[in-house]
Amino acid sequence: LKDETNPRSIELLRRTARDQLYRHGWTGGDQVWGELTPGAKGRVTARLSRATCLTDRDNTEWLKADVAANGWYIIPVHGARASSSAWLMAQHADRDRDFQRHVLALMEPMVATGEVSRNNYAYLWDRVPVGENRPQRYGTQGRCTAPNRWEPNDIEDTSRVEALREEAEIGSLTEYQAHMHRYCADFTG
């Protein structure tokens, strides 16, 4: 934040930092608190979950108002960090699918001009249909199916997914799955 001077971007980055603080609390908890009893772990998880939901709600309302008043955060004007931060908030606006669809429509023409990131667009494109129980395009959204095993949700066209991922600059599905498997270490079913 110290190198940012635009008040709008400063607020956006502050909000994104809070979003990430809570989300990284899930994975870094053992390093912070040590090993917890099941009861303590349940209480910590419940508090983190509530704080994450409240943060997402507040960020969604703020971003909706901000974008309505000022437009989307484009890379040439606001920089890649601010543009990605705005995308991240929209990505986490799962309780407001209409807003996610609105952001997707805003971003779509900007992908070709480089005003927004291709990979951010791909992740949001997948997030919307998966949230509506429809197939995704790029295979970015999935779930744990076994310990250390992550699988993508349904994909529109599996024969084209690798080409689409390459276009979106997000690497192969095999590489992505290998990366995501680690988030399923504690999966119990």
Protein backbone atom coordinates (compact mmCIF):
# COMPACT_ATOMS: atom_id res chain seq x y z
CA LEU A 1 0.00 0.00 0.00
CA LYS A 2 2.84 2.39 0.67
CA ASP A 3 3.59 2.96 -3.04
CA GLU A 4 -0.07 3.57 -3.94
CA THR A 5 -1.31 7.17 -4.03
CA ASN A 6 -4.82 6.88 -5.46
CA PRO A 7 -7.34 6.87 -2.56
CA ARG A 8 -9.70 4.59 -4.47
CA SER A 9 -6.96 2.03 -5.07
CA ILE A 10 -5.73 2.32 -1.49
CA GLU A 11 -9.18 1.40 -0.17
CA LEU A 12 -9.44 -1.46 -2.66
CA LEU A 13 -6.04 -2.87 -1.66
CA ARG A 14 -6.82 -2.47 2.05
CA ARG A 15 -10.02 -4.46 1.59
CA THR A 16 -8.27 -7.13 -0.45
CA ALA A 17 -5.59 -7.50 2.22
CA ARG A 18 -8.29 -8.18 4.80
CA ASP A 19 -9.94 -10.72 2.46
CA GLN A 20 -6.65 -12.56 2.10
CA LEU A 21 -5.82 -12.37 5.80
CA TYR A 22 -8.94 -14.35 6.67
CA ARG A 23 -8.53 -16.80 3.79
CA HIS A 24 -4.89 -17.51 4.66
CA GLY A 25 -5.96 -18.03 8.27
CA TRP A 26 -7.40 -21.36 7.13
CA THR A 27 -4.07 -22.64 5.84
CA GLY A 28 -1.68 -20.94 8.24
CA GLY A 29 -3.50 -21.60 11.49
CA ASP A 30 -1.23 -24.40 12.70
CA GLN A 31 1.78 -22.09 12.32
CA VAL A 32 0.07 -19.40 14.36
CA TRP A 33 -1.76 -21.37 17.04
CA GLY A 34 0.01 -24.70 17.03
CA GLU A 35 -1.97 -27.91 17.12
CA LEU A 36 -5.49 -27.31 18.41
CA THR A 37 -7.91 -29.68 20.05
CA PRO A 38 -10.89 -30.59 17.85
CA GLY A 39 -13.16 -28.30 19.89
CA ALA A 40 -10.78 -25.34 19.67
CA LYS A 41 -10.23 -25.97 15.96
CA GLY A 42 -14.00 -25.96 15.44
CA ARG A 43 -14.35 -22.63 17.23
CA VAL A 44 -11.49 -21.06 15.26
CA THR A 45 -12.93 -22.38 12.00
CA ALA A 46 -16.37 -21.01 12.85
CA ARG A 47 -14.95 -17.56 13.64
CA LEU A 48 -12.81 -17.48 10.51
CA SER A 49 -15.79 -18.58 8.43
CA ARG A 50 -18.01 -15.86 9.89
CA ALA A 51 -15.33 -13.17 9.48
CA THR A 52 -14.72 -14.26 5.89
CA CYS A 53 -18.44 -14.12 5.06
CA LEU A 54 -18.83 -10.68 6.64
CA THR A 55 -15.76 -9.41 4.79
CA ASP A 56 -17.05 -10.77 1.48
CA ARG A 57 -20.43 -9.13 2.05
CA ASP A 58 -18.91 -5.76 2.95
CA ASN A 59 -16.43 -5.90 0.08
CA THR A 60 -19.14 -6.82 -2.42
CA GLU A 61 -21.32 -3.89 -1.40
CA TRP A 62 -18.38 -1.50 -1.49
CA LEU A 63 -17.15 -2.74 -4.88
CA LYS A 64 -20.63 -2.60 -6.41
CA ALA A 65 -21.01 1.03 -5.39
CA ASP A 66 -17.46 1.91 -6.40
CA VAL A 67 -17.70 0.32 -9.85
CA ALA A 68 -21.12 1.89 -10.46
CA ALA A 69 -19.65 5.31 -9.69
CA ASN A 70 -16.19 4.97 -11.24
CA GLY A 71 -16.07 2.02 -13.64
CA TRP A 72 -13.86 -1.06 -13.58
CA TYR A 73 -10.23 -1.07 -12.45
CA ILE A 74 -8.29 -1.35 -15.71
CA ILE A 75 -4.61 -2.18 -15.88
CA PRO A 76 -3.46 0.84 -17.95
CA VAL A 77 -5.00 3.28 -15.46
CA HIS A 78 -4.94 1.53 -12.08
CA GLY A 79 -2.20 -1.08 -12.55
CA ALA A 80 -2.31 -4.88 -12.55
CA ARG A 81 -2.40 -5.14 -8.75
CA ALA A 82 -5.52 -3.01 -8.38
CA SER A 83 -7.23 -4.70 -11.34
CA SER A 84 -6.53 -8.14 -9.86
CA SER A 85 -7.66 -7.01 -6.43
CA ALA A 86 -11.00 -5.84 -7.82
CA TRP A 87 -11.36 -9.14 -9.66
CA LEU A 88 -10.61 -11.05 -6.44
CA MET A 89 -13.41 -9.23 -4.63
CA ALA A 90 -15.80 -10.02 -7.48
CA GLN A 91 -14.62 -13.64 -7.46
CA HIS A 92 -15.52 -13.83 -3.76
CA ALA A 93 -18.95 -12.20 -4.26
CA ASP A 94 -20.63 -15.63 -4.40
CA ARG A 95 -23.72 -14.38 -2.60
CA ASP A 96 -24.38 -11.94 -5.43
CA ARG A 97 -24.31 -13.83 -8.74
CA ASP A 98 -25.95 -10.90 -10.54
CA PHE A 99 -22.98 -8.72 -9.62
CA GLN A 100 -20.53 -11.42 -10.70
CA ARG A 101 -22.30 -11.66 -14.08
CA HIS A 102 -22.19 -7.84 -14.34
CA VAL A 103 -18.43 -7.81 -13.69
CA LEU A 104 -17.93 -10.60 -16.21
CA ALA A 105 -19.79 -8.55 -18.83
CA LEU A 106 -17.66 -5.49 -17.98
CA MET A 107 -14.44 -7.49 -18.25
CA GLU A 108 -15.22 -9.39 -21.45
CA PRO A 109 -14.42 -6.65 -23.99
CA MET A 110 -11.41 -5.55 -21.94
CA VAL A 111 -9.68 -8.94 -22.21
CA ALA A 112 -8.81 -8.44 -25.89
CA THR A 113 -7.39 -4.96 -25.25
CA GLY A 114 -5.26 -6.04 -22.29
CA GLU A 115 -7.14 -3.77 -19.92
CA VAL A 116 -7.88 -6.77 -17.67
CA SER A 117 -6.10 -10.06 -17.12
CA ARG A 118 -7.10 -13.04 -19.28
CA ASN A 119 -6.64 -15.40 -16.36
CA ASN A 120 -8.79 -13.32 -14.01
CA TYR A 121 -11.55 -13.34 -16.61
CA ALA A 122 -11.27 -17.13 -16.99
CA TYR A 123 -11.53 -17.75 -13.25
CA LEU A 124 -14.59 -15.52 -12.92
CA TRP A 125 -16.13 -17.02 -16.06
CA ASP A 126 -15.93 -20.45 -14.39
CA ARG A 127 -17.08 -19.23 -10.99
CA VAL A 128 -20.43 -17.98 -12.30
CA PRO A 129 -21.74 -21.16 -13.98
CA VAL A 130 -20.37 -23.45 -11.27
CA GLY A 131 -22.25 -21.35 -8.70
CA GLU A 132 -25.37 -21.95 -10.79
CA ASN A 133 -24.73 -25.71 -11.15
CA ARG A 134 -23.74 -25.43 -14.80
CA PRO A 135 -20.54 -26.63 -16.53
CA GLN A 136 -17.49 -24.38 -16.51
CA ARG A 137 -15.21 -23.61 -19.44
CA TYR A 138 -11.63 -23.54 -18.07
CA GLY A 139 -11.67 -26.09 -15.23
CA THR A 140 -10.64 -23.64 -12.50
CA GLN A 141 -13.38 -24.54 -10.01
CA GLY A 142 -13.47 -27.89 -8.28
CA ARG A 143 -13.63 -29.86 -5.09
CA CYS A 144 -11.76 -32.42 -3.03
CA THR A 145 -12.81 -35.97 -3.85
CA ALA A 146 -10.35 -37.85 -1.62
CA PRO A 147 -7.38 -37.03 0.59
CA ASN A 148 -4.84 -35.18 -1.59
CA ARG A 149 -7.16 -35.39 -4.61
CA TRP A 150 -8.78 -32.35 -6.27
CA GLU A 151 -11.04 -32.66 -9.32
CA PRO A 152 -12.59 -29.91 -11.44
CA ASN A 153 -16.36 -29.51 -11.52
CA ASP A 154 -18.09 -30.37 -14.80
CA ILE A 155 -16.46 -28.84 -17.89
CA GLU A 156 -18.36 -27.73 -21.01
CA ASP A 157 -16.00 -29.25 -23.55
CA THR A 158 -13.16 -31.38 -22.22
CA SER A 159 -11.67 -31.69 -25.71
CA ARG A 160 -11.08 -27.90 -25.81
CA VAL A 161 -10.23 -27.18 -22.17
CA GLU A 162 -6.43 -27.26 -22.62
CA ALA A 163 -6.54 -24.89 -25.61
CA LEU A 164 -8.82 -22.53 -23.72
CA ARG A 165 -6.55 -22.65 -20.67
CA GLU A 166 -3.56 -21.84 -22.86
CA GLU A 167 -5.44 -18.88 -24.37
CA ALA A 168 -6.26 -17.67 -20.86
CA GLU A 169 -2.62 -18.08 -19.78
CA ILE A 170 -3.47 -20.29 -16.80
CA GLY A 171 -1.35 -23.39 -17.53
CA SER A 172 -2.52 -26.92 -18.11
CA LEU A 173 -5.29 -28.61 -16.18
CA THR A 174 -2.85 -31.34 -15.11
CA GLU A 175 -0.50 -28.75 -13.59
CA TYR A 176 -3.40 -26.99 -11.89
CA GLN A 177 -4.73 -30.22 -10.41
CA ALA A 178 -1.27 -31.10 -9.07
CA HIS A 179 -1.16 -27.68 -7.39
CA MET A 180 -4.69 -28.02 -5.97
CA HIS A 181 -4.22 -31.55 -4.56
CA ARG A 182 -2.39 -30.11 -1.53
CA TYR A 183 -5.54 -28.26 -0.45
CA CYS A 184 -7.24 -31.63 -0.03
CA ALA A 185 -4.76 -33.10 2.44
CA ASP A 186 -7.28 -33.14 5.30
CA PHE A 187 -10.26 -34.25 3.22
CA THR A 188 -12.42 -36.75 5.10
CA GLY A 189 -15.43 -36.98 2.81
